[in-house]
Amino acid sequence: MRRLILLMVLALGATVAQAENSFFYLGAGVARSSVTDITAAFSAPDLKNSSWKAYAGVRPLSWLAAEVDYIDLGSAHSTFDTNFGAGYTDVKGYTWGAYAVGFLPLPLPVVDIFGKAGVSFSRLDFQVYSPGQGTGFASNGTGFAWGVGVQAHISIVGARLEYEDLNIPNTSGAKVTSLSVFLNF
């Protein structure tokens, strides 16, 4: 993956002398997330999935932006034994986030290094079934979120590699790495 990013940055840098930072941007990509130590009234599996992410932002200044994102945390399935037979647990989750994003002033016109901090709103949905009974419930929460990343862009098209750490109640949090493309408007 490092080679892919390096080749992309070199290709973008070699073809454009100067990039533009537009006011509005919109992106989507693949995400690898890990949510562990989910505490519930039963044995819940960890969420370790490849899924997707979408985001939008406004960048009124070259060094500052406001951004919102949606990350699908994926789903997991586990089975367990009871005195009456096998049961199962299904968990799926997602999160919305709102961030302030700061960009480092680099002399490279096509590359941005950024950090972001904000809040995430998460939801984990549980479905538990044991022979003769089943139940479902959700766990909602709000917590601090932060991230760092690098992006390269030419004109209106760009690519971004990013790491995010989200505080999700009743878990050890979500660690998300993503690779996405975006458009500047």
N, C-alpha and C. Protein backbone atom coordinates (compact mmCIF):
# COMPACT_ATOMS: atom_id res chain seq x y z
N MET A 1 0.83 -1.18 0.00
CA MET A 1 0.00 0.00 0.00
C MET A 1 0.88 1.25 0.00
N ARG A 2 2.04 1.19 0.66
CA ARG A 2 2.93 2.34 0.68
C ARG A 2 3.42 2.66 -0.73
N ARG A 3 3.71 1.62 -1.50
CA ARG A 3 4.17 1.84 -2.87
C ARG A 3 3.09 2.51 -3.70
N LEU A 4 1.84 2.08 -3.51
CA LEU A 4 0.72 2.68 -4.26
C LEU A 4 0.61 4.17 -3.95
N ILE A 5 0.68 4.53 -2.69
CA ILE A 5 0.58 5.94 -2.30
C ILE A 5 1.76 6.73 -2.86
N LEU A 6 2.98 6.17 -2.75
CA LEU A 6 4.15 6.87 -3.26
C LEU A 6 4.04 7.08 -4.77
N LEU A 7 3.64 6.05 -5.51
CA LEU A 7 3.48 6.18 -6.96
C LEU A 7 2.42 7.22 -7.31
N MET A 8 1.32 7.22 -6.55
CA MET A 8 0.24 8.18 -6.80
C MET A 8 0.73 9.61 -6.57
N VAL A 9 1.45 9.84 -5.48
CA VAL A 9 1.96 11.17 -5.18
C VAL A 9 2.96 11.61 -6.24
N LEU A 10 3.84 10.73 -6.65
CA LEU A 10 4.81 11.07 -7.69
C LEU A 10 4.14 11.37 -9.02
N ALA A 11 3.14 10.56 -9.38
CA ALA A 11 2.43 10.79 -10.65
C ALA A 11 1.68 12.11 -10.63
N LEU A 12 1.01 12.39 -9.53
CA LEU A 12 0.28 13.65 -9.43
C LEU A 12 1.23 14.84 -9.43
N GLY A 13 2.33 14.72 -8.72
CA GLY A 13 3.28 15.81 -8.63
C GLY A 13 3.99 16.07 -9.94
N ALA A 14 4.22 15.04 -10.73
CA ALA A 14 4.92 15.21 -12.00
C ALA A 14 4.03 15.83 -13.08
N THR A 15 2.73 15.70 -12.95
CA THR A 15 1.85 16.17 -14.02
C THR A 15 1.29 17.56 -13.78
N VAL A 16 1.39 18.07 -12.58
CA VAL A 16 0.78 19.37 -12.30
C VAL A 16 1.77 20.26 -11.57
N ALA A 17 1.86 21.48 -12.00
CA ALA A 17 2.77 22.41 -11.35
C ALA A 17 2.15 23.03 -10.11
N GLN A 18 0.83 23.20 -10.14
CA GLN A 18 0.16 23.82 -9.00
C GLN A 18 -1.25 23.29 -8.89
N ALA A 19 -1.68 22.96 -7.68
CA ALA A 19 -3.04 22.45 -7.45
C ALA A 19 -3.88 23.55 -6.84
N GLU A 20 -5.18 23.37 -6.96
CA GLU A 20 -6.12 24.33 -6.41
C GLU A 20 -6.80 23.74 -5.18
N ASN A 21 -7.03 24.56 -4.18
CA ASN A 21 -7.84 24.16 -3.04
C ASN A 21 -9.19 24.83 -3.22
N SER A 22 -10.21 24.03 -3.39
CA SER A 22 -11.55 24.56 -3.60
C SER A 22 -12.26 24.70 -2.27
N PHE A 23 -13.43 25.32 -2.30
CA PHE A 23 -14.19 25.58 -1.09
C PHE A 23 -14.87 24.32 -0.55
N PHE A 24 -15.43 23.48 -1.43
CA PHE A 24 -16.20 22.32 -1.01
C PHE A 24 -15.57 21.05 -1.56
N TYR A 25 -15.57 19.96 -0.79
CA TYR A 25 -15.06 18.69 -1.28
C TYR A 25 -15.95 17.54 -0.80
N LEU A 26 -15.93 16.47 -1.58
CA LEU A 26 -16.77 15.30 -1.35
C LEU A 26 -15.95 14.06 -1.68
N GLY A 27 -15.94 13.06 -0.78
CA GLY A 27 -15.12 11.87 -1.01
C GLY A 27 -15.75 10.59 -0.52
N ALA A 28 -15.21 9.47 -1.00
CA ALA A 28 -15.65 8.14 -0.58
C ALA A 28 -14.50 7.16 -0.81
N GLY A 29 -14.52 6.09 -0.04
CA GLY A 29 -13.46 5.10 -0.20
C GLY A 29 -13.67 3.87 0.64
N VAL A 30 -12.63 3.04 0.70
CA VAL A 30 -12.66 1.81 1.47
C VAL A 30 -12.06 2.08 2.84
N ALA A 31 -12.59 1.40 3.84
CA ALA A 31 -12.13 1.58 5.22
C ALA A 31 -11.91 0.22 5.87
N ARG A 32 -10.90 0.12 6.68
CA ARG A 32 -10.64 -1.07 7.48
C ARG A 32 -10.81 -0.63 8.93
N SER A 33 -11.80 -1.21 9.61
CA SER A 33 -12.09 -0.79 10.98
C SER A 33 -11.94 -1.94 11.95
N SER A 34 -11.67 -1.59 13.21
CA SER A 34 -11.55 -2.55 14.28
C SER A 34 -12.19 -1.97 15.53
N VAL A 35 -13.25 -2.63 16.01
CA VAL A 35 -13.92 -2.26 17.26
C VAL A 35 -13.84 -3.50 18.15
N THR A 36 -13.13 -3.39 19.27
CA THR A 36 -12.91 -4.55 20.14
C THR A 36 -13.43 -4.29 21.54
N ASP A 37 -13.44 -5.34 22.33
CA ASP A 37 -13.87 -5.29 23.74
C ASP A 37 -15.26 -4.70 23.88
N ILE A 38 -16.18 -5.19 23.07
CA ILE A 38 -17.57 -4.74 23.15
C ILE A 38 -18.20 -5.35 24.39
N THR A 39 -18.60 -4.50 25.31
CA THR A 39 -19.20 -5.00 26.55
C THR A 39 -20.71 -4.94 26.43
N ALA A 40 -21.33 -6.07 26.63
CA ALA A 40 -22.79 -6.18 26.60
C ALA A 40 -23.16 -7.24 27.63
N ALA A 41 -24.42 -7.55 27.73
CA ALA A 41 -24.88 -8.54 28.71
C ALA A 41 -24.62 -9.96 28.21
N PHE A 42 -23.85 -10.11 27.15
CA PHE A 42 -23.60 -11.41 26.54
C PHE A 42 -22.26 -11.34 25.81
N SER A 43 -21.86 -12.42 25.23
CA SER A 43 -20.61 -12.47 24.48
C SER A 43 -20.80 -11.85 23.11
N ALA A 44 -20.24 -10.69 22.88
CA ALA A 44 -20.37 -9.98 21.60
C ALA A 44 -19.07 -10.11 20.82
N PRO A 45 -19.15 -10.41 19.53
CA PRO A 45 -17.92 -10.52 18.73
C PRO A 45 -17.33 -9.15 18.42
N ASP A 46 -16.03 -9.13 18.16
CA ASP A 46 -15.36 -7.89 17.74
C ASP A 46 -15.75 -7.58 16.30
N LEU A 47 -15.79 -6.31 15.98
CA LEU A 47 -16.02 -5.87 14.60
C LEU A 47 -14.66 -5.56 13.98
N LYS A 48 -14.21 -6.41 13.08
CA LYS A 48 -12.95 -6.20 12.35
C LYS A 48 -13.28 -6.44 10.90
N ASN A 49 -13.55 -5.35 10.17
CA ASN A 49 -14.09 -5.46 8.82
C ASN A 49 -13.46 -4.48 7.86
N SER A 50 -13.57 -4.84 6.59
CA SER A 50 -13.34 -3.89 5.51
C SER A 50 -14.71 -3.43 5.06
N SER A 51 -14.92 -2.14 4.95
CA SER A 51 -16.23 -1.61 4.57
C SER A 51 -16.01 -0.33 3.78
N TRP A 52 -16.82 0.68 4.03
CA TRP A 52 -16.73 1.91 3.25
C TRP A 52 -16.92 3.13 4.12
N LYS A 53 -16.57 4.27 3.52
CA LYS A 53 -16.64 5.55 4.21
C LYS A 53 -17.00 6.62 3.19
N ALA A 54 -17.72 7.64 3.64
CA ALA A 54 -18.04 8.81 2.80
C ALA A 54 -17.86 10.06 3.65
N TYR A 55 -17.45 11.16 3.02
CA TYR A 55 -17.24 12.40 3.76
C TYR A 55 -17.47 13.61 2.86
N ALA A 56 -17.72 14.73 3.51
CA ALA A 56 -17.89 16.01 2.82
C ALA A 56 -17.31 17.09 3.72
N GLY A 57 -16.80 18.13 3.08
CA GLY A 57 -16.22 19.20 3.87
C GLY A 57 -16.24 20.54 3.16
N VAL A 58 -16.03 21.58 3.94
CA VAL A 58 -15.85 22.93 3.42
C VAL A 58 -14.48 23.41 3.91
N ARG A 59 -13.74 24.06 2.99
CA ARG A 59 -12.40 24.53 3.31
C ARG A 59 -12.32 26.02 2.99
N PRO A 60 -12.78 26.86 3.93
CA PRO A 60 -12.80 28.30 3.66
C PRO A 60 -11.41 28.93 3.63
N LEU A 61 -10.45 28.33 4.32
CA LEU A 61 -9.07 28.80 4.34
C LEU A 61 -8.16 27.65 3.91
N SER A 62 -7.00 27.96 3.39
CA SER A 62 -6.11 26.90 2.92
C SER A 62 -5.63 26.00 4.05
N TRP A 63 -5.66 26.47 5.28
CA TRP A 63 -5.18 25.70 6.42
C TRP A 63 -6.28 25.17 7.33
N LEU A 64 -7.57 25.43 7.02
CA LEU A 64 -8.66 25.05 7.91
C LEU A 64 -9.88 24.56 7.13
N ALA A 65 -10.49 23.49 7.63
CA ALA A 65 -11.72 22.95 7.03
C ALA A 65 -12.63 22.43 8.13
N ALA A 66 -13.90 22.27 7.78
CA ALA A 66 -14.88 21.59 8.63
C ALA A 66 -15.37 20.39 7.82
N GLU A 67 -15.49 19.24 8.48
CA GLU A 67 -15.78 18.01 7.75
C GLU A 67 -16.76 17.14 8.52
N VAL A 68 -17.61 16.43 7.79
CA VAL A 68 -18.48 15.41 8.36
C VAL A 68 -18.21 14.11 7.62
N ASP A 69 -18.33 12.98 8.33
CA ASP A 69 -18.14 11.70 7.66
C ASP A 69 -19.07 10.64 8.22
N TYR A 70 -19.25 9.61 7.41
CA TYR A 70 -20.01 8.42 7.78
C TYR A 70 -19.09 7.23 7.55
N ILE A 71 -18.97 6.36 8.56
CA ILE A 71 -18.15 5.16 8.42
C ILE A 71 -19.02 3.95 8.77
N ASP A 72 -19.09 3.02 7.85
CA ASP A 72 -19.75 1.74 8.11
C ASP A 72 -18.73 0.87 8.83
N LEU A 73 -19.02 0.49 10.07
CA LEU A 73 -18.10 -0.34 10.86
C LEU A 73 -18.23 -1.82 10.54
N GLY A 74 -19.18 -2.19 9.70
CA GLY A 74 -19.33 -3.58 9.31
C GLY A 74 -20.18 -4.37 10.28
N SER A 75 -20.09 -5.69 10.17
CA SER A 75 -20.88 -6.57 11.02
C SER A 75 -20.06 -7.80 11.39
N ALA A 76 -20.51 -8.50 12.41
CA ALA A 76 -19.84 -9.73 12.87
C ALA A 76 -20.89 -10.69 13.40
N HIS A 77 -20.56 -11.96 13.37
CA HIS A 77 -21.47 -13.04 13.79
C HIS A 77 -20.68 -13.99 14.67
N SER A 78 -21.26 -14.43 15.77
CA SER A 78 -20.63 -15.45 16.61
C SER A 78 -21.70 -16.41 17.11
N THR A 79 -21.29 -17.60 17.41
CA THR A 79 -22.21 -18.62 17.95
C THR A 79 -21.78 -18.98 19.36
N PHE A 80 -22.73 -19.50 20.12
CA PHE A 80 -22.44 -19.95 21.48
C PHE A 80 -23.36 -21.13 21.80
N ASP A 81 -22.95 -21.93 22.77
CA ASP A 81 -23.73 -23.10 23.17
C ASP A 81 -24.51 -22.80 24.44
N THR A 82 -25.72 -23.31 24.49
CA THR A 82 -26.56 -23.23 25.69
C THR A 82 -26.98 -24.65 26.06
N ASN A 83 -27.67 -24.80 27.16
CA ASN A 83 -28.18 -26.12 27.57
C ASN A 83 -29.24 -26.63 26.60
N PHE A 84 -29.83 -25.72 25.82
CA PHE A 84 -30.91 -26.09 24.92
C PHE A 84 -30.49 -26.13 23.46
N GLY A 85 -29.23 -25.86 23.17
CA GLY A 85 -28.75 -25.86 21.79
C GLY A 85 -27.89 -24.63 21.51
N ALA A 86 -27.56 -24.44 20.24
CA ALA A 86 -26.68 -23.35 19.84
C ALA A 86 -27.46 -22.05 19.69
N GLY A 87 -26.81 -20.97 20.01
CA GLY A 87 -27.37 -19.64 19.81
C GLY A 87 -26.38 -18.80 19.02
N TYR A 88 -26.77 -17.60 18.67
CA TYR A 88 -25.87 -16.73 17.93
C TYR A 88 -26.05 -15.28 18.34
N THR A 89 -25.04 -14.50 18.04
CA THR A 89 -25.04 -13.06 18.27
C THR A 89 -24.59 -12.38 16.98
N ASP A 90 -25.35 -11.41 16.54
CA ASP A 90 -24.96 -10.58 15.40
C ASP A 90 -24.78 -9.15 15.88
N VAL A 91 -23.73 -8.50 15.41
CA VAL A 91 -23.46 -7.10 15.75
C VAL A 91 -23.13 -6.37 14.45
N LYS A 92 -23.70 -5.18 14.28
CA LYS A 92 -23.31 -4.31 13.17
C LYS A 92 -23.27 -2.88 13.70
N GLY A 93 -22.49 -2.05 13.04
CA GLY A 93 -22.34 -0.69 13.54
C GLY A 93 -21.98 0.32 12.49
N TYR A 94 -22.16 1.57 12.87
CA TYR A 94 -21.77 2.70 12.02
C TYR A 94 -21.52 3.90 12.90
N THR A 95 -20.90 4.91 12.32
CA THR A 95 -20.64 6.13 13.05
C THR A 95 -20.71 7.34 12.12
N TRP A 96 -21.17 8.45 12.66
CA TRP A 96 -21.15 9.76 12.01
C TRP A 96 -20.15 10.60 12.78
N GLY A 97 -19.41 11.45 12.09
CA GLY A 97 -18.46 12.30 12.78
C GLY A 97 -18.50 13.72 12.24
N ALA A 98 -18.15 14.68 13.10
CA ALA A 98 -18.03 16.10 12.72
C ALA A 98 -16.68 16.58 13.25
N TYR A 99 -15.88 17.21 12.38
CA TYR A 99 -14.51 17.54 12.71
C TYR A 99 -14.12 18.95 12.29
N ALA A 100 -13.13 19.49 13.00
CA ALA A 100 -12.35 20.63 12.54
C ALA A 100 -11.06 20.03 12.00
N VAL A 101 -10.66 20.43 10.79
CA VAL A 101 -9.49 19.84 10.13
C VAL A 101 -8.46 20.95 9.91
N GLY A 102 -7.24 20.70 10.36
CA GLY A 102 -6.15 21.64 10.16
C GLY A 102 -5.12 21.07 9.20
N PHE A 103 -4.67 21.86 8.23
CA PHE A 103 -3.71 21.44 7.23
C PHE A 103 -2.37 22.12 7.47
N LEU A 104 -1.28 21.36 7.39
CA LEU A 104 0.06 21.93 7.53
C LEU A 104 0.42 22.70 6.27
N PRO A 105 1.03 23.87 6.42
CA PRO A 105 1.45 24.63 5.24
C PRO A 105 2.74 24.02 4.66
N LEU A 106 2.61 23.26 3.59
CA LEU A 106 3.75 22.63 2.94
C LEU A 106 4.09 23.36 1.65
N PRO A 107 5.36 23.35 1.26
CA PRO A 107 5.72 23.98 -0.01
C PRO A 107 5.36 23.11 -1.23
N LEU A 108 4.77 21.95 -0.99
CA LEU A 108 4.34 21.07 -2.07
C LEU A 108 2.90 21.39 -2.44
N PRO A 109 2.63 21.87 -3.64
CA PRO A 109 1.27 22.32 -3.96
C PRO A 109 0.26 21.19 -4.14
N VAL A 110 0.70 19.96 -4.32
CA VAL A 110 -0.26 18.88 -4.57
C VAL A 110 -0.45 17.96 -3.37
N VAL A 111 0.26 18.19 -2.27
CA VAL A 111 0.20 17.31 -1.11
C VAL A 111 -0.23 18.10 0.12
N ASP A 112 -1.14 17.53 0.88
CA ASP A 112 -1.57 18.10 2.16
C ASP A 112 -1.39 17.06 3.25
N ILE A 113 -0.85 17.48 4.38
CA ILE A 113 -0.83 16.66 5.60
C ILE A 113 -1.80 17.33 6.55
N PHE A 114 -2.67 16.54 7.17
CA PHE A 114 -3.70 17.14 8.01
C PHE A 114 -3.92 16.36 9.30
N GLY A 115 -4.51 17.05 10.25
CA GLY A 115 -4.97 16.45 11.50
C GLY A 115 -6.39 16.94 11.74
N LYS A 116 -7.19 16.13 12.42
CA LYS A 116 -8.56 16.56 12.69
C LYS A 116 -8.99 16.09 14.07
N ALA A 117 -9.91 16.86 14.64
CA ALA A 117 -10.45 16.53 15.96
C ALA A 117 -11.92 16.92 15.95
N GLY A 118 -12.72 16.12 16.67
CA GLY A 118 -14.15 16.41 16.71
C GLY A 118 -14.90 15.42 17.56
N VAL A 119 -16.11 15.13 17.14
CA VAL A 119 -17.00 14.26 17.90
C VAL A 119 -17.59 13.21 16.95
N SER A 120 -17.78 11.99 17.47
CA SER A 120 -18.43 10.94 16.68
C SER A 120 -19.70 10.48 17.39
N PHE A 121 -20.68 10.16 16.58
CA PHE A 121 -21.96 9.64 17.06
C PHE A 121 -22.06 8.21 16.54
N SER A 122 -22.05 7.24 17.44
CA SER A 122 -21.98 5.84 17.01
C SER A 122 -23.24 5.07 17.37
N ARG A 123 -23.44 3.97 16.63
CA ARG A 123 -24.54 3.06 16.92
C ARG A 123 -24.08 1.64 16.65
N LEU A 124 -24.29 0.78 17.64
CA LEU A 124 -24.07 -0.65 17.49
C LEU A 124 -25.42 -1.35 17.67
N ASP A 125 -25.80 -2.15 16.69
CA ASP A 125 -27.05 -2.92 16.75
C ASP A 125 -26.73 -4.37 17.06
N PHE A 126 -27.44 -4.92 18.04
CA PHE A 126 -27.22 -6.30 18.47
C PHE A 126 -28.47 -7.14 18.21
N GLN A 127 -28.27 -8.36 17.79
CA GLN A 127 -29.34 -9.35 17.66
C GLN A 127 -28.83 -10.62 18.33
N VAL A 128 -29.53 -11.08 19.36
CA VAL A 128 -29.13 -12.27 20.09
C VAL A 128 -30.25 -13.29 20.00
N TYR A 129 -29.88 -14.53 19.66
CA TYR A 129 -30.86 -15.60 19.57
C TYR A 129 -30.33 -16.82 20.31
N SER A 130 -31.14 -17.36 21.18
CA SER A 130 -30.88 -18.67 21.77
C SER A 130 -32.16 -19.47 21.58
N PRO A 131 -32.08 -20.79 21.55
CA PRO A 131 -33.28 -21.59 21.25
C PRO A 131 -34.48 -21.17 22.10
N GLY A 132 -35.54 -20.82 21.41
CA GLY A 132 -36.77 -20.44 22.08
C GLY A 132 -36.92 -18.96 22.36
N GLN A 133 -35.87 -18.19 22.20
CA GLN A 133 -35.99 -16.75 22.46
C GLN A 133 -34.97 -15.95 21.67
N GLY A 134 -35.32 -14.74 21.39
CA GLY A 134 -34.43 -13.82 20.67
C GLY A 134 -34.71 -12.41 21.12
N THR A 135 -33.70 -11.59 21.00
CA THR A 135 -33.88 -10.20 21.38
C THR A 135 -32.94 -9.34 20.54
N GLY A 136 -33.29 -8.10 20.40
CA GLY A 136 -32.45 -7.16 19.69
C GLY A 136 -32.44 -5.84 20.44
N PHE A 137 -31.33 -5.17 20.40
CA PHE A 137 -31.24 -3.85 21.02
C PHE A 137 -30.09 -3.08 20.39
N ALA A 138 -30.02 -1.81 20.68
CA ALA A 138 -28.98 -0.94 20.11
C ALA A 138 -28.26 -0.20 21.23
N SER A 139 -27.02 0.14 20.96
CA SER A 139 -26.22 0.94 21.87
C SER A 139 -25.77 2.18 21.10
N ASN A 140 -26.22 3.34 21.56
CA ASN A 140 -25.86 4.61 20.93
C ASN A 140 -24.89 5.35 21.84
N GLY A 141 -24.01 6.14 21.24
CA GLY A 141 -23.09 6.90 22.06
C GLY A 141 -22.44 8.04 21.31
N THR A 142 -21.88 8.95 22.06
CA THR A 142 -21.17 10.09 21.52
C THR A 142 -19.81 10.15 22.20
N GLY A 143 -18.77 10.43 21.44
CA GLY A 143 -17.44 10.50 22.04
C GLY A 143 -16.47 11.30 21.19
N PHE A 144 -15.31 11.56 21.76
CA PHE A 144 -14.26 12.31 21.09
C PHE A 144 -13.69 11.48 19.94
N ALA A 145 -13.32 12.13 18.85
CA ALA A 145 -12.71 11.47 17.70
C ALA A 145 -11.58 12.34 17.16
N TRP A 146 -10.55 11.69 16.66
CA TRP A 146 -9.43 12.41 16.06
C TRP A 146 -8.88 11.60 14.90
N GLY A 147 -8.10 12.26 14.06
CA GLY A 147 -7.50 11.57 12.94
C GLY A 147 -6.33 12.34 12.36
N VAL A 148 -5.52 11.64 11.55
CA VAL A 148 -4.41 12.22 10.83
C VAL A 148 -4.37 11.61 9.44
N GLY A 149 -3.79 12.32 8.50
CA GLY A 149 -3.71 11.76 7.16
C GLY A 149 -2.90 12.60 6.21
N VAL A 150 -2.81 12.09 4.99
CA VAL A 150 -2.13 12.76 3.90
C VAL A 150 -3.01 12.63 2.66
N GLN A 151 -3.02 13.68 1.86
CA GLN A 151 -3.79 13.63 0.62
C GLN A 151 -3.00 14.29 -0.49
N ALA A 152 -3.23 13.81 -1.71
CA ALA A 152 -2.61 14.39 -2.90
C ALA A 152 -3.73 14.71 -3.87
N HIS A 153 -3.58 15.82 -4.62
CA HIS A 153 -4.65 16.23 -5.51
C HIS A 153 -4.12 17.01 -6.70
N ILE A 154 -4.83 16.89 -7.81
CA ILE A 154 -4.59 17.73 -8.99
C ILE A 154 -5.94 18.29 -9.41
N SER A 155 -5.96 19.57 -9.58
CA SER A 155 -7.18 20.24 -9.98
C SER A 155 -8.33 19.84 -9.06
N ILE A 156 -9.31 19.11 -9.57
CA ILE A 156 -10.49 18.78 -8.75
C ILE A 156 -10.47 17.36 -8.21
N VAL A 157 -9.49 16.53 -8.57
CA VAL A 157 -9.46 15.13 -8.16
C VAL A 157 -8.31 14.88 -7.20
N GLY A 158 -8.57 14.08 -6.16
CA GLY A 158 -7.52 13.75 -5.21
C GLY A 158 -7.71 12.40 -4.57
N ALA A 159 -6.71 11.97 -3.83
CA ALA A 159 -6.75 10.72 -3.07
C ALA A 159 -6.25 10.99 -1.67
N ARG A 160 -6.77 10.23 -0.71
CA ARG A 160 -6.48 10.47 0.70
C ARG A 160 -6.23 9.15 1.42
N LEU A 161 -5.19 9.12 2.26
CA LEU A 161 -4.90 8.02 3.17
C LEU A 161 -5.04 8.58 4.57
N GLU A 162 -5.83 7.89 5.43
CA GLU A 162 -6.19 8.48 6.71
C GLU A 162 -6.32 7.43 7.81
N TYR A 163 -6.00 7.84 9.04
CA TYR A 163 -6.22 7.02 10.24
C TYR A 163 -7.12 7.81 11.18
N GLU A 164 -8.14 7.15 11.73
CA GLU A 164 -9.04 7.79 12.69
C GLU A 164 -9.17 6.92 13.93
N ASP A 165 -9.29 7.55 15.08
CA ASP A 165 -9.51 6.88 16.35
C ASP A 165 -10.78 7.47 16.95
N LEU A 166 -11.81 6.62 17.10
CA LEU A 166 -13.12 7.07 17.57
C LEU A 166 -13.42 6.48 18.93
N ASN A 167 -13.88 7.29 19.86
CA ASN A 167 -14.27 6.83 21.18
C ASN A 167 -15.72 6.36 21.12
N ILE A 168 -15.94 5.05 21.22
CA ILE A 168 -17.28 4.48 21.19
C ILE A 168 -17.57 3.88 22.56
N PRO A 169 -18.62 4.34 23.24
CA PRO A 169 -18.93 3.84 24.57
C PRO A 169 -19.08 2.31 24.59
N ASN A 170 -18.67 1.70 25.69
CA ASN A 170 -18.76 0.26 25.94
C ASN A 170 -17.91 -0.56 24.99
N THR A 171 -16.84 0.04 24.45
CA THR A 171 -15.88 -0.67 23.62
C THR A 171 -14.49 -0.09 23.90
N SER A 172 -13.48 -0.68 23.28
CA SER A 172 -12.14 -0.08 23.38
C SER A 172 -11.96 0.99 22.31
N GLY A 173 -13.03 1.33 21.60
CA GLY A 173 -13.00 2.36 20.56
C GLY A 173 -12.85 1.75 19.18
N ALA A 174 -12.98 2.57 18.19
CA ALA A 174 -12.82 2.14 16.80
C ALA A 174 -11.53 2.73 16.25
N LYS A 175 -10.75 1.88 15.62
CA LYS A 175 -9.54 2.30 14.91
C LYS A 175 -9.84 2.08 13.43
N VAL A 176 -9.78 3.14 12.63
CA VAL A 176 -10.18 3.07 11.23
C VAL A 176 -9.06 3.61 10.35
N THR A 177 -8.66 2.82 9.36
CA THR A 177 -7.72 3.24 8.33
C THR A 177 -8.48 3.25 7.01
N SER A 178 -8.35 4.31 6.23
CA SER A 178 -9.12 4.40 4.99
C SER A 178 -8.27 4.94 3.85
N LEU A 179 -8.64 4.53 2.64
CA LEU A 179 -8.07 5.03 1.41
C LEU A 179 -9.24 5.47 0.55
N SER A 180 -9.24 6.74 0.15
CA SER A 180 -10.41 7.27 -0.56
C SER A 180 -10.00 8.21 -1.67
N VAL A 181 -10.97 8.51 -2.51
CA VAL A 181 -10.82 9.53 -3.56
C VAL A 181 -11.79 10.65 -3.25
N PHE A 182 -11.46 11.86 -3.69
CA PHE A 182 -12.36 13.00 -3.45
C PHE A 182 -12.35 13.94 -4.63
N LEU A 183 -13.39 14.75 -4.68
CA LEU A 183 -13.53 15.79 -5.70
C LEU A 183 -13.65 17.14 -5.02
N ASN A 184 -12.95 18.14 -5.53
CA ASN A 184 -13.05 19.52 -5.06
C ASN A 184 -14.04 20.26 -5.95
N PHE A 185 -14.89 21.07 -5.34
CA PHE A 185 -15.87 21.86 -6.10
C PHE A 185 -15.66 23.33 -5.86
